[in-house]
């Protein structure tokens, strides 16, 4: 009887060990691709409303389709920017250089999170939602974090010398804005997201 009990315990322990190993080796889930953030203004102080072109701007008939130009907005010809979507074409990626706890805010619940990370762990960069603010996917959680606390300063403004993670490759995205012209026509503008380039319009940056 004792032999049977010992055998049963051994089988149970083996099953638990296999289950734990399988869980540890399970591949990390990534956010859906392509990832689209709808109805967002993608930089700090960004706002929709009345915009004025600084140069002629082509307005396309369909979002993400540059084959058909619906009309062109002349320089100085004000129009209404209704809303916009950011299409992530390639997710960014960073690798942890040394163990630390990543602090952030759960976007779904608004609650604070603290995630322990080890050297070599992967951090997926989903969105740059403000100056220094990054939305990431890590350990199957979507978090808003401050890149100055952990990402290599070479990325773009992080001032910390205590670099805890290295950028492997940057996020690549497109920002499309739904617009209404004063004559009633509507369409889509493809806007630049390059922080080193000046905005193509006046009225989009409340801080500017």
N, C-alpha and C. Protein backbone atom coordinates (compact mmCIF):
# COMPACT_ATOMS: atom_id res chain seq x y z
N UNK A 1 0.83 -1.21 0.00
CA UNK A 1 0.00 0.00 0.00
C UNK A 1 0.86 1.25 0.00
N UNK A 2 1.93 1.19 0.86
CA UNK A 2 2.82 2.34 0.91
C UNK A 2 3.52 2.54 -0.43
N UNK A 3 3.86 1.38 -1.08
CA UNK A 3 4.51 1.48 -2.40
C UNK A 3 3.60 2.14 -3.41
N UNK A 4 2.32 1.82 -3.36
CA UNK A 4 1.37 2.45 -4.27
C UNK A 4 1.27 3.94 -4.01
N UNK A 5 1.23 4.32 -2.71
CA UNK A 5 1.13 5.73 -2.36
C UNK A 5 2.36 6.50 -2.83
N UNK A 6 3.55 5.86 -2.63
CA UNK A 6 4.79 6.51 -3.06
C UNK A 6 4.81 6.69 -4.58
N UNK A 7 4.32 5.67 -5.29
CA UNK A 7 4.27 5.75 -6.75
C UNK A 7 3.33 6.87 -7.19
N UNK A 8 2.19 6.95 -6.51
CA UNK A 8 1.22 7.99 -6.85
C UNK A 8 1.80 9.38 -6.60
N UNK A 9 2.52 9.53 -5.49
CA UNK A 9 3.13 10.82 -5.17
C UNK A 9 4.20 11.18 -6.20
N UNK A 10 4.98 10.17 -6.60
CA UNK A 10 6.03 10.41 -7.58
C UNK A 10 5.45 10.85 -8.91
N UNK A 11 4.37 10.16 -9.34
CA UNK A 11 3.73 10.53 -10.59
C UNK A 11 3.15 11.95 -10.51
N UNK A 12 2.56 12.27 -9.37
CA UNK A 12 1.97 13.60 -9.17
C UNK A 12 3.06 14.67 -9.22
N UNK A 13 4.18 14.40 -8.53
CA UNK A 13 5.29 15.36 -8.52
C UNK A 13 5.86 15.56 -9.92
N UNK A 14 5.98 14.45 -10.66
CA UNK A 14 6.49 14.54 -12.03
C UNK A 14 5.56 15.37 -12.90
N UNK A 15 4.26 15.16 -12.72
CA UNK A 15 3.28 15.92 -13.50
C UNK A 15 3.37 17.41 -13.21
N UNK A 16 3.54 17.76 -11.93
CA UNK A 16 3.66 19.17 -11.55
C UNK A 16 4.92 19.76 -12.16
N UNK A 17 6.02 19.00 -12.10
CA UNK A 17 7.29 19.49 -12.65
C UNK A 17 7.18 19.73 -14.15
N UNK A 18 6.53 18.80 -14.86
CA UNK A 18 6.36 18.96 -16.30
C UNK A 18 5.49 20.17 -16.62
N UNK A 19 4.42 20.34 -15.84
CA UNK A 19 3.53 21.48 -16.05
C UNK A 19 4.24 22.80 -15.84
N UNK A 20 5.08 22.86 -14.78
CA UNK A 20 5.82 24.09 -14.48
C UNK A 20 6.82 24.39 -15.58
N UNK A 21 7.51 23.33 -16.06
CA UNK A 21 8.49 23.53 -17.11
C UNK A 21 7.82 24.00 -18.40
N UNK A 22 6.66 23.42 -18.70
CA UNK A 22 5.94 23.82 -19.91
C UNK A 22 5.50 25.27 -19.81
N UNK A 23 5.07 25.67 -18.59
CA UNK A 23 4.64 27.05 -18.39
C UNK A 23 5.82 27.99 -18.55
N UNK A 24 7.00 27.59 -18.02
CA UNK A 24 8.17 28.44 -18.09
C UNK A 24 8.65 28.61 -19.52
N UNK A 25 8.47 27.54 -20.34
CA UNK A 25 8.97 27.58 -21.70
C UNK A 25 7.93 28.09 -22.70
N UNK A 26 6.73 28.41 -22.22
CA UNK A 26 5.68 28.89 -23.12
C UNK A 26 6.11 30.20 -23.77
N UNK A 27 5.90 30.35 -25.07
CA UNK A 27 6.33 31.57 -25.74
C UNK A 27 5.54 32.78 -25.26
N UNK A 28 6.23 33.92 -25.20
CA UNK A 28 5.58 35.15 -24.77
C UNK A 28 4.59 35.61 -25.84
N UNK A 29 3.39 35.98 -25.40
CA UNK A 29 2.37 36.46 -26.32
C UNK A 29 2.67 37.91 -26.67
N UNK A 30 2.50 38.28 -27.93
CA UNK A 30 2.73 39.65 -28.37
C UNK A 30 1.40 40.31 -28.69
N UNK A 31 1.36 41.64 -28.68
CA UNK A 31 0.12 42.33 -29.05
C UNK A 31 -0.21 42.05 -30.50
N UNK A 32 -1.48 42.24 -30.90
CA UNK A 32 -1.88 41.92 -32.26
C UNK A 32 -1.15 42.77 -33.30
N UNK A 33 -0.92 42.20 -34.48
CA UNK A 33 -0.28 42.90 -35.58
C UNK A 33 -1.21 42.85 -36.79
N UNK A 34 -1.33 43.93 -37.57
CA UNK A 34 -0.81 45.25 -37.23
C UNK A 34 -1.61 45.89 -36.10
N UNK A 35 -0.94 46.65 -35.27
CA UNK A 35 -1.58 47.27 -34.13
C UNK A 35 -2.05 48.67 -34.52
N UNK A 36 -3.29 48.99 -34.23
CA UNK A 36 -3.86 50.30 -34.60
C UNK A 36 -4.42 50.97 -33.35
N UNK A 37 -4.00 52.20 -33.12
CA UNK A 37 -4.59 53.00 -32.06
C UNK A 37 -5.52 54.02 -32.72
N UNK A 38 -6.79 53.88 -32.42
CA UNK A 38 -7.79 54.72 -33.08
C UNK A 38 -8.18 55.90 -32.20
N UNK A 39 -8.51 57.00 -32.88
CA UNK A 39 -8.96 58.22 -32.22
C UNK A 39 -7.93 58.72 -31.21
N UNK A 40 -6.68 58.81 -31.64
CA UNK A 40 -5.61 59.30 -30.77
C UNK A 40 -4.88 60.46 -31.45
N UNK A 41 -4.30 61.31 -30.62
CA UNK A 41 -3.41 62.38 -31.08
C UNK A 41 -2.05 62.04 -30.48
N UNK A 42 -1.04 61.75 -31.31
CA UNK A 42 0.09 60.96 -30.83
C UNK A 42 1.28 61.68 -30.20
N UNK A 43 1.12 62.93 -29.80
CA UNK A 43 2.25 63.56 -29.11
C UNK A 43 1.71 64.50 -28.04
N UNK A 44 2.60 64.87 -27.14
CA UNK A 44 2.20 65.73 -26.03
C UNK A 44 1.71 67.07 -26.57
N UNK A 45 0.58 67.53 -26.04
CA UNK A 45 -0.07 68.79 -26.45
C UNK A 45 -0.74 68.69 -27.81
N UNK A 46 -0.82 67.51 -28.39
CA UNK A 46 -1.48 67.32 -29.69
C UNK A 46 -2.98 67.52 -29.55
N UNK A 47 -3.58 68.17 -30.53
CA UNK A 47 -5.02 68.40 -30.49
C UNK A 47 -5.59 68.43 -31.90
N UNK A 48 -6.83 67.99 -32.03
CA UNK A 48 -7.54 68.09 -33.31
C UNK A 48 -8.45 69.32 -33.26
N UNK A 49 -8.90 69.73 -34.44
CA UNK A 49 -9.73 70.93 -34.53
C UNK A 49 -9.38 71.67 -35.81
N UNK A 50 -9.29 72.99 -35.72
CA UNK A 50 -8.95 73.81 -36.89
C UNK A 50 -7.44 73.82 -37.10
N UNK A 51 -7.02 73.32 -38.24
CA UNK A 51 -5.61 73.32 -38.62
C UNK A 51 -5.42 74.18 -39.86
N UNK A 52 -4.21 74.74 -40.00
CA UNK A 52 -3.87 75.56 -41.16
C UNK A 52 -2.59 75.03 -41.79
N UNK A 53 -2.63 74.62 -43.05
CA UNK A 53 -1.43 74.07 -43.70
C UNK A 53 -0.31 75.10 -43.83
N UNK A 54 0.92 74.67 -43.58
CA UNK A 54 2.09 75.51 -43.80
C UNK A 54 2.62 75.37 -45.23
N UNK A 55 2.12 74.38 -45.91
CA UNK A 55 2.46 74.13 -47.31
C UNK A 55 1.32 73.34 -47.93
N UNK A 56 1.24 73.20 -49.25
CA UNK A 56 0.17 72.40 -49.85
C UNK A 56 0.21 70.96 -49.34
N UNK A 57 -0.97 70.43 -49.00
CA UNK A 57 -1.06 69.07 -48.46
C UNK A 57 -2.02 68.24 -49.31
N UNK A 58 -1.58 67.06 -49.69
CA UNK A 58 -2.44 66.15 -50.45
C UNK A 58 -3.37 65.41 -49.50
N UNK A 59 -4.65 65.37 -49.83
CA UNK A 59 -5.65 64.65 -49.05
C UNK A 59 -6.08 63.42 -49.87
N UNK A 60 -5.97 62.26 -49.26
CA UNK A 60 -6.28 61.02 -49.96
C UNK A 60 -7.71 60.59 -49.69
N UNK A 61 -8.27 59.86 -50.64
CA UNK A 61 -9.67 59.44 -50.53
C UNK A 61 -9.86 58.42 -49.42
N UNK A 62 -8.90 57.51 -49.25
CA UNK A 62 -9.01 56.44 -48.26
C UNK A 62 -7.80 56.43 -47.33
N UNK A 63 -8.05 56.02 -46.11
CA UNK A 63 -6.97 55.90 -45.14
C UNK A 63 -5.98 54.82 -45.57
N UNK A 64 -4.69 55.16 -45.50
CA UNK A 64 -3.58 54.27 -45.82
C UNK A 64 -3.53 53.87 -47.29
N UNK A 65 -4.17 54.65 -48.15
CA UNK A 65 -4.13 54.39 -49.58
C UNK A 65 -3.68 55.66 -50.29
N UNK A 66 -2.43 55.67 -50.76
CA UNK A 66 -1.87 56.86 -51.38
C UNK A 66 -2.01 56.86 -52.90
N UNK A 67 -2.82 55.95 -53.43
CA UNK A 67 -2.96 55.86 -54.89
C UNK A 67 -3.99 56.84 -55.45
N UNK A 68 -4.87 57.36 -54.61
CA UNK A 68 -5.93 58.24 -55.10
C UNK A 68 -5.95 59.52 -54.26
N UNK A 69 -5.50 60.62 -54.87
CA UNK A 69 -5.54 61.92 -54.20
C UNK A 69 -6.92 62.53 -54.42
N UNK A 70 -7.65 62.78 -53.35
CA UNK A 70 -9.00 63.35 -53.46
C UNK A 70 -8.96 64.83 -53.80
N UNK A 71 -8.08 65.58 -53.12
CA UNK A 71 -7.92 67.01 -53.38
C UNK A 71 -6.65 67.48 -52.65
N UNK A 72 -6.31 68.72 -52.87
CA UNK A 72 -5.13 69.30 -52.23
C UNK A 72 -5.53 70.53 -51.44
N UNK A 73 -5.04 70.60 -50.21
CA UNK A 73 -5.27 71.78 -49.37
C UNK A 73 -4.14 72.78 -49.64
N UNK A 74 -4.51 74.01 -49.95
CA UNK A 74 -3.51 75.03 -50.23
C UNK A 74 -2.93 75.57 -48.92
N UNK A 75 -1.75 76.12 -49.01
CA UNK A 75 -1.13 76.76 -47.85
C UNK A 75 -2.04 77.87 -47.32
N UNK A 76 -2.29 77.84 -46.02
CA UNK A 76 -3.13 78.85 -45.39
C UNK A 76 -4.61 78.59 -45.46
N UNK A 77 -5.02 77.51 -46.13
CA UNK A 77 -6.45 77.19 -46.28
C UNK A 77 -6.89 76.32 -45.11
N UNK A 78 -7.54 76.93 -44.13
CA UNK A 78 -7.88 76.20 -42.90
C UNK A 78 -8.87 75.08 -43.18
N UNK A 79 -8.80 74.04 -42.35
CA UNK A 79 -9.68 72.88 -42.45
C UNK A 79 -9.87 72.30 -41.06
N UNK A 80 -10.76 71.31 -40.96
CA UNK A 80 -11.02 70.67 -39.67
C UNK A 80 -10.39 69.29 -39.63
N UNK A 81 -9.51 69.09 -38.65
CA UNK A 81 -8.96 67.76 -38.37
C UNK A 81 -9.90 67.10 -37.37
N UNK A 82 -10.58 66.06 -37.79
CA UNK A 82 -11.64 65.44 -36.99
C UNK A 82 -11.05 64.50 -35.94
N UNK A 83 -10.28 63.56 -36.38
CA UNK A 83 -9.64 62.60 -35.48
C UNK A 83 -8.51 61.93 -36.24
N UNK A 84 -7.81 61.01 -35.59
CA UNK A 84 -6.70 60.34 -36.26
C UNK A 84 -6.44 58.96 -35.71
N UNK A 85 -5.77 58.14 -36.52
CA UNK A 85 -5.39 56.78 -36.13
C UNK A 85 -3.89 56.59 -36.36
N UNK A 86 -3.26 55.88 -35.45
CA UNK A 86 -1.84 55.55 -35.60
C UNK A 86 -1.73 54.06 -35.91
N UNK A 87 -1.16 53.75 -37.07
CA UNK A 87 -0.98 52.37 -37.50
C UNK A 87 0.48 51.97 -37.26
N UNK A 88 0.68 51.00 -36.41
CA UNK A 88 2.03 50.51 -36.13
C UNK A 88 2.40 49.47 -37.17
N UNK A 89 3.41 49.79 -37.98
CA UNK A 89 3.85 48.89 -39.04
C UNK A 89 4.86 47.88 -38.54
N UNK A 90 5.67 48.30 -37.57
CA UNK A 90 6.61 47.39 -36.93
C UNK A 90 6.74 47.77 -35.47
N UNK A 91 6.52 46.81 -34.59
CA UNK A 91 6.67 47.06 -33.16
C UNK A 91 8.13 47.29 -32.81
N UNK A 92 8.36 48.16 -31.84
CA UNK A 92 9.72 48.37 -31.35
C UNK A 92 10.10 47.27 -30.37
N UNK A 93 11.38 47.18 -30.08
CA UNK A 93 11.84 46.14 -29.16
C UNK A 93 13.05 46.63 -28.36
N UNK A 94 13.05 46.31 -27.08
CA UNK A 94 14.20 46.59 -26.21
C UNK A 94 14.55 45.32 -25.45
N UNK A 95 15.83 45.20 -25.05
CA UNK A 95 16.30 44.06 -24.26
C UNK A 95 16.85 44.56 -22.94
N UNK A 96 16.50 43.85 -21.88
CA UNK A 96 16.93 44.22 -20.54
C UNK A 96 18.41 43.90 -20.38
N UNK A 97 19.20 44.87 -19.88
CA UNK A 97 20.64 44.69 -19.68
C UNK A 97 20.97 44.20 -18.28
N UNK A 98 20.13 44.56 -17.31
CA UNK A 98 20.33 44.08 -15.95
C UNK A 98 19.00 44.06 -15.22
N UNK A 99 18.91 43.20 -14.22
CA UNK A 99 17.64 42.98 -13.52
C UNK A 99 17.16 44.27 -12.84
N UNK A 100 15.86 44.52 -12.95
CA UNK A 100 15.24 45.64 -12.25
C UNK A 100 13.73 45.45 -12.26
N UNK A 101 13.04 46.28 -11.52
CA UNK A 101 11.58 46.25 -11.49
C UNK A 101 11.06 47.42 -12.32
N UNK A 102 10.25 47.08 -13.33
CA UNK A 102 9.69 48.09 -14.22
C UNK A 102 8.36 48.58 -13.66
N UNK A 103 8.26 49.87 -13.42
CA UNK A 103 7.05 50.47 -12.87
C UNK A 103 6.24 51.10 -14.00
N UNK A 104 4.94 50.87 -13.97
CA UNK A 104 4.08 51.43 -15.00
C UNK A 104 2.62 51.41 -14.59
N UNK A 105 1.79 51.91 -15.49
CA UNK A 105 0.35 51.97 -15.26
C UNK A 105 -0.36 51.07 -16.25
N UNK A 106 -1.21 50.19 -15.72
CA UNK A 106 -2.01 49.31 -16.57
C UNK A 106 -3.04 50.15 -17.31
N UNK A 107 -2.96 50.17 -18.64
CA UNK A 107 -3.85 51.04 -19.42
C UNK A 107 -5.30 50.61 -19.30
N UNK A 108 -5.56 49.32 -19.13
CA UNK A 108 -6.94 48.84 -19.07
C UNK A 108 -7.62 49.21 -17.75
N UNK A 109 -6.88 49.16 -16.65
CA UNK A 109 -7.48 49.37 -15.33
C UNK A 109 -7.06 50.68 -14.66
N UNK A 110 -5.97 51.27 -15.12
CA UNK A 110 -5.46 52.48 -14.50
C UNK A 110 -4.67 52.22 -13.23
N UNK A 111 -4.46 50.96 -12.88
CA UNK A 111 -3.75 50.63 -11.65
C UNK A 111 -2.24 50.57 -11.89
N UNK A 112 -1.48 50.81 -10.82
CA UNK A 112 -0.03 50.77 -10.91
C UNK A 112 0.46 49.33 -10.91
N UNK A 113 1.51 49.07 -11.69
CA UNK A 113 2.08 47.73 -11.79
C UNK A 113 3.59 47.80 -11.57
N UNK A 114 4.14 46.73 -11.00
CA UNK A 114 5.58 46.59 -10.82
C UNK A 114 5.97 45.20 -11.31
N UNK A 115 6.75 45.15 -12.40
CA UNK A 115 7.09 43.88 -13.03
C UNK A 115 8.58 43.59 -12.85
N UNK A 116 8.95 42.47 -12.22
CA UNK A 116 10.37 42.12 -12.11
C UNK A 116 10.90 41.62 -13.45
N UNK A 117 12.01 42.17 -13.89
CA UNK A 117 12.61 41.78 -15.15
C UNK A 117 14.05 41.31 -14.93
N UNK A 118 14.47 40.36 -15.76
CA UNK A 118 15.81 39.80 -15.68
C UNK A 118 16.59 40.16 -16.93
N UNK A 119 17.91 40.07 -16.83
CA UNK A 119 18.76 40.34 -17.98
C UNK A 119 18.34 39.47 -19.17
N UNK A 120 18.21 40.09 -20.33
CA UNK A 120 17.82 39.37 -21.53
C UNK A 120 16.34 39.37 -21.82
N UNK A 121 15.50 39.80 -20.86
CA UNK A 121 14.06 39.85 -21.10
C UNK A 121 13.74 40.82 -22.24
N UNK A 122 12.66 40.52 -22.94
CA UNK A 122 12.23 41.32 -24.10
C UNK A 122 11.10 42.25 -23.70
N UNK A 123 11.21 43.50 -24.13
CA UNK A 123 10.16 44.50 -23.93
C UNK A 123 9.70 44.97 -25.31
N UNK A 124 8.42 44.84 -25.59
CA UNK A 124 7.87 45.26 -26.89
C UNK A 124 7.34 46.69 -26.76
N UNK A 125 7.79 47.56 -27.64
CA UNK A 125 7.35 48.96 -27.64
C UNK A 125 6.20 49.10 -28.62
N UNK A 126 5.04 49.47 -28.09
CA UNK A 126 3.81 49.52 -28.89
C UNK A 126 3.49 50.93 -29.36
N UNK A 127 3.82 51.94 -28.55
CA UNK A 127 3.42 53.30 -28.91
C UNK A 127 4.22 54.30 -28.10
N UNK A 128 4.55 55.45 -28.73
CA UNK A 128 5.09 56.60 -28.01
C UNK A 128 3.93 57.58 -27.86
N UNK A 129 3.33 57.63 -26.67
CA UNK A 129 2.09 58.40 -26.54
C UNK A 129 2.32 59.82 -26.05
N UNK A 130 3.53 60.15 -25.58
CA UNK A 130 3.84 61.51 -25.17
C UNK A 130 5.36 61.63 -25.12
N UNK A 131 5.84 62.83 -24.81
CA UNK A 131 7.28 63.02 -24.71
C UNK A 131 7.82 62.22 -23.52
N UNK A 132 8.57 61.18 -23.80
CA UNK A 132 9.10 60.33 -22.75
C UNK A 132 8.17 59.22 -22.32
N UNK A 133 6.91 59.27 -22.78
CA UNK A 133 5.93 58.25 -22.40
C UNK A 133 5.85 57.16 -23.45
N UNK A 134 5.97 55.92 -23.01
CA UNK A 134 5.98 54.78 -23.92
C UNK A 134 4.95 53.76 -23.46
N UNK A 135 4.18 53.24 -24.40
CA UNK A 135 3.28 52.12 -24.11
C UNK A 135 4.00 50.84 -24.50
N UNK A 136 4.11 49.91 -23.58
CA UNK A 136 4.86 48.69 -23.83
C UNK A 136 4.00 47.46 -23.57
N UNK A 137 4.45 46.35 -24.13
CA UNK A 137 3.87 45.03 -23.87
C UNK A 137 4.96 44.19 -23.25
N UNK A 138 4.73 43.74 -22.00
CA UNK A 138 5.74 42.98 -21.29
C UNK A 138 5.06 42.01 -20.33
N UNK A 139 5.49 40.77 -20.38
CA UNK A 139 4.89 39.73 -19.53
C UNK A 139 3.38 39.69 -19.70
N UNK A 140 2.93 39.77 -20.95
CA UNK A 140 1.51 39.70 -21.30
C UNK A 140 0.69 40.82 -20.69
N UNK A 141 1.32 41.96 -20.44
CA UNK A 141 0.61 43.12 -19.90
C UNK A 141 0.93 44.35 -20.74
N UNK A 142 -0.08 45.20 -20.93
CA UNK A 142 0.09 46.47 -21.63
C UNK A 142 0.23 47.57 -20.58
N UNK A 143 1.38 48.26 -20.58
CA UNK A 143 1.66 49.26 -19.56
C UNK A 143 2.09 50.58 -20.19
N UNK A 144 1.79 51.68 -19.49
CA UNK A 144 2.33 52.99 -19.83
C UNK A 144 3.50 53.24 -18.89
N UNK A 145 4.68 53.53 -19.46
CA UNK A 145 5.88 53.73 -18.65
C UNK A 145 6.63 54.96 -19.13
N UNK A 146 7.60 55.40 -18.32
CA UNK A 146 8.46 56.53 -18.66
C UNK A 146 9.79 55.99 -19.14
N UNK A 147 10.17 56.27 -20.39
CA UNK A 147 11.39 55.67 -20.93
C UNK A 147 12.66 56.21 -20.28
N UNK A 148 12.61 57.37 -19.63
CA UNK A 148 13.80 57.94 -19.01
C UNK A 148 14.26 57.10 -17.81
N UNK A 149 13.37 56.27 -17.28
CA UNK A 149 13.72 55.47 -16.11
C UNK A 149 14.51 54.22 -16.44
N UNK A 150 14.50 53.80 -17.73
CA UNK A 150 15.11 52.50 -18.00
C UNK A 150 15.72 52.34 -19.38
N UNK A 151 15.30 53.15 -20.37
CA UNK A 151 15.77 52.92 -21.73
C UNK A 151 17.05 53.71 -21.99
N UNK A 152 17.91 53.15 -22.86
CA UNK A 152 19.19 53.77 -23.16
C UNK A 152 19.02 55.22 -23.61
N UNK A 153 19.83 56.13 -23.06
CA UNK A 153 19.70 57.55 -23.42
C UNK A 153 19.85 57.80 -24.91
N UNK A 154 20.55 56.93 -25.63
CA UNK A 154 20.75 57.13 -27.06
C UNK A 154 19.45 57.04 -27.85
N UNK A 155 18.39 56.51 -27.20
CA UNK A 155 17.12 56.37 -27.91
C UNK A 155 16.53 57.74 -28.28
N UNK A 156 16.65 58.72 -27.43
CA UNK A 156 16.02 60.00 -27.82
C UNK A 156 15.58 60.80 -26.62
N UNK A 157 16.49 61.21 -25.80
CA UNK A 157 16.14 62.14 -24.75
C UNK A 157 16.21 61.58 -23.35
N UNK A 158 16.29 60.27 -23.18
CA UNK A 158 16.39 59.72 -21.84
C UNK A 158 17.65 60.22 -21.17
N UNK A 159 17.52 60.79 -19.98
CA UNK A 159 18.66 61.41 -19.34
C UNK A 159 19.37 60.49 -18.36
N UNK A 160 18.79 59.33 -18.08
CA UNK A 160 19.35 58.46 -17.06
C UNK A 160 20.68 57.87 -17.51
N UNK A 161 21.66 57.84 -16.59
CA UNK A 161 22.93 57.17 -16.87
C UNK A 161 22.89 55.73 -16.39
N UNK A 162 21.84 55.37 -15.68
CA UNK A 162 21.67 54.01 -15.17
C UNK A 162 20.85 53.22 -16.19
N UNK A 163 21.47 52.93 -17.32
CA UNK A 163 20.75 52.28 -18.41
C UNK A 163 20.43 50.84 -18.05
N UNK A 164 19.15 50.51 -18.09
CA UNK A 164 18.71 49.17 -17.72
C UNK A 164 18.25 48.35 -18.91
N UNK A 165 18.01 49.01 -20.04
CA UNK A 165 17.58 48.30 -21.24
C UNK A 165 18.15 48.99 -22.47
N UNK A 166 18.31 48.23 -23.54
CA UNK A 166 18.87 48.75 -24.79
C UNK A 166 17.84 48.60 -25.90
N UNK A 167 17.69 49.66 -26.68
CA UNK A 167 16.77 49.62 -27.81
C UNK A 167 17.38 48.76 -28.92
N UNK A 168 16.64 47.71 -29.31
CA UNK A 168 17.08 46.85 -30.41
C UNK A 168 16.68 47.46 -31.74
N UNK A 169 15.41 47.83 -31.86
CA UNK A 169 14.97 48.59 -33.03
C UNK A 169 13.74 49.41 -32.65
N UNK A 170 13.62 50.56 -33.31
CA UNK A 170 12.56 51.50 -32.98
C UNK A 170 11.24 51.08 -33.60
N UNK A 171 10.17 51.60 -33.03
CA UNK A 171 8.84 51.38 -33.57
C UNK A 171 8.68 52.17 -34.87
N UNK A 172 7.98 51.60 -35.85
CA UNK A 172 7.69 52.28 -37.11
C UNK A 172 6.17 52.38 -37.25
N UNK A 173 5.68 53.60 -37.47
CA UNK A 173 4.23 53.78 -37.52
C UNK A 173 3.85 54.85 -38.52
N UNK A 174 2.55 54.92 -38.82
CA UNK A 174 1.98 55.95 -39.68
C UNK A 174 0.82 56.62 -38.95
N UNK A 175 0.75 57.94 -39.07
CA UNK A 175 -0.33 58.70 -38.45
C UNK A 175 -1.22 59.25 -39.56
N UNK A 176 -2.49 58.82 -39.55
CA UNK A 176 -3.46 59.26 -40.55
C UNK A 176 -4.56 60.07 -39.86
N UNK A 177 -4.88 61.21 -40.45
CA UNK A 177 -5.86 62.14 -39.87
C UNK A 177 -7.04 62.30 -40.81
N UNK A 178 -8.25 62.13 -40.27
CA UNK A 178 -9.48 62.34 -41.04
C UNK A 178 -9.80 63.84 -41.03
N UNK A 179 -9.99 64.42 -42.23
CA UNK A 179 -10.16 65.87 -42.32
C UNK A 179 -11.42 66.23 -43.10
N UNK A 180 -11.95 67.43 -42.79
CA UNK A 180 -13.06 68.04 -43.53
C UNK A 180 -12.59 69.39 -44.05
N UNK A 181 -12.72 69.58 -45.34
CA UNK A 181 -12.40 70.89 -45.92
C UNK A 181 -13.59 71.83 -45.77
N UNK A 182 -13.34 73.12 -45.94
CA UNK A 182 -14.41 74.11 -45.76
C UNK A 182 -15.50 73.98 -46.83
N UNK A 183 -15.16 73.39 -47.99
CA UNK A 183 -16.16 73.24 -49.05
C UNK A 183 -16.95 71.94 -48.93
N UNK A 184 -16.75 71.20 -47.81
CA UNK A 184 -17.52 69.99 -47.57
C UNK A 184 -16.82 68.69 -47.95
N UNK A 185 -15.73 68.77 -48.68
CA UNK A 185 -15.01 67.56 -49.04
C UNK A 185 -14.28 66.99 -47.84
N UNK A 186 -14.12 65.67 -47.83
CA UNK A 186 -13.36 65.07 -46.73
C UNK A 186 -12.41 64.01 -47.27
N UNK A 187 -11.49 63.61 -46.44
CA UNK A 187 -10.49 62.62 -46.83
C UNK A 187 -9.50 62.39 -45.71
N UNK A 188 -8.31 61.92 -46.08
CA UNK A 188 -7.31 61.52 -45.08
C UNK A 188 -5.95 62.13 -45.39
N UNK A 189 -5.33 62.67 -44.36
CA UNK A 189 -3.97 63.18 -44.44
C UNK A 189 -3.01 62.19 -43.79
N UNK A 190 -1.88 61.96 -44.43
CA UNK A 190 -0.82 61.21 -43.77
C UNK A 190 0.16 62.21 -43.17
N UNK A 191 0.27 62.20 -41.83
CA UNK A 191 1.08 63.18 -41.13
C UNK A 191 2.42 62.56 -40.71
N UNK A 192 3.44 63.39 -40.67
CA UNK A 192 4.75 62.93 -40.22
C UNK A 192 4.76 62.83 -38.70
N UNK A 193 5.41 61.76 -38.19
CA UNK A 193 5.59 61.60 -36.75
C UNK A 193 7.03 61.82 -36.32
N UNK A 194 7.87 62.26 -37.23
CA UNK A 194 9.28 62.46 -36.93
C UNK A 194 9.43 63.68 -36.02
N UNK A 195 9.93 63.49 -34.78
CA UNK A 195 10.04 64.64 -33.85
C UNK A 195 11.07 65.67 -34.32
N UNK A 196 11.95 65.28 -35.24
CA UNK A 196 12.96 66.21 -35.73
C UNK A 196 12.45 67.05 -36.89
N UNK A 197 11.27 66.73 -37.41
CA UNK A 197 10.69 67.49 -38.50
C UNK A 197 9.60 68.42 -37.96
N UNK A 198 9.51 69.67 -38.45
CA UNK A 198 8.44 70.56 -38.00
C UNK A 198 7.09 70.06 -38.48
N UNK A 199 6.06 70.36 -37.72
CA UNK A 199 4.71 69.99 -38.13
C UNK A 199 4.34 70.69 -39.44
N UNK A 200 3.53 70.00 -40.23
CA UNK A 200 3.13 70.54 -41.54
C UNK A 200 1.95 71.50 -41.43
N UNK A 201 1.42 71.65 -40.21
CA UNK A 201 0.24 72.50 -40.01
C UNK A 201 0.40 73.34 -38.74
N UNK A 202 -0.33 74.42 -38.69
CA UNK A 202 -0.49 75.19 -37.45
C UNK A 202 -1.82 74.76 -36.82
N UNK A 203 -1.86 74.78 -35.48
CA UNK A 203 -3.09 74.45 -34.76
C UNK A 203 -3.12 73.08 -34.17
N UNK A 204 -2.12 72.22 -34.49
CA UNK A 204 -2.12 70.86 -33.96
C UNK A 204 -1.41 70.73 -32.63
N UNK A 205 -0.54 71.71 -32.32
CA UNK A 205 0.27 71.63 -31.10
C UNK A 205 -0.12 72.76 -30.15
N UNK A 206 -0.81 72.43 -29.07
CA UNK A 206 -1.23 73.44 -28.11
C UNK A 206 -0.06 74.07 -27.38
N UNK A 207 1.07 73.35 -27.33
CA UNK A 207 2.25 73.87 -26.64
C UNK A 207 3.13 74.71 -27.55
N UNK A 208 2.81 74.70 -28.85
CA UNK A 208 3.65 75.40 -29.81
C UNK A 208 3.13 76.76 -30.15
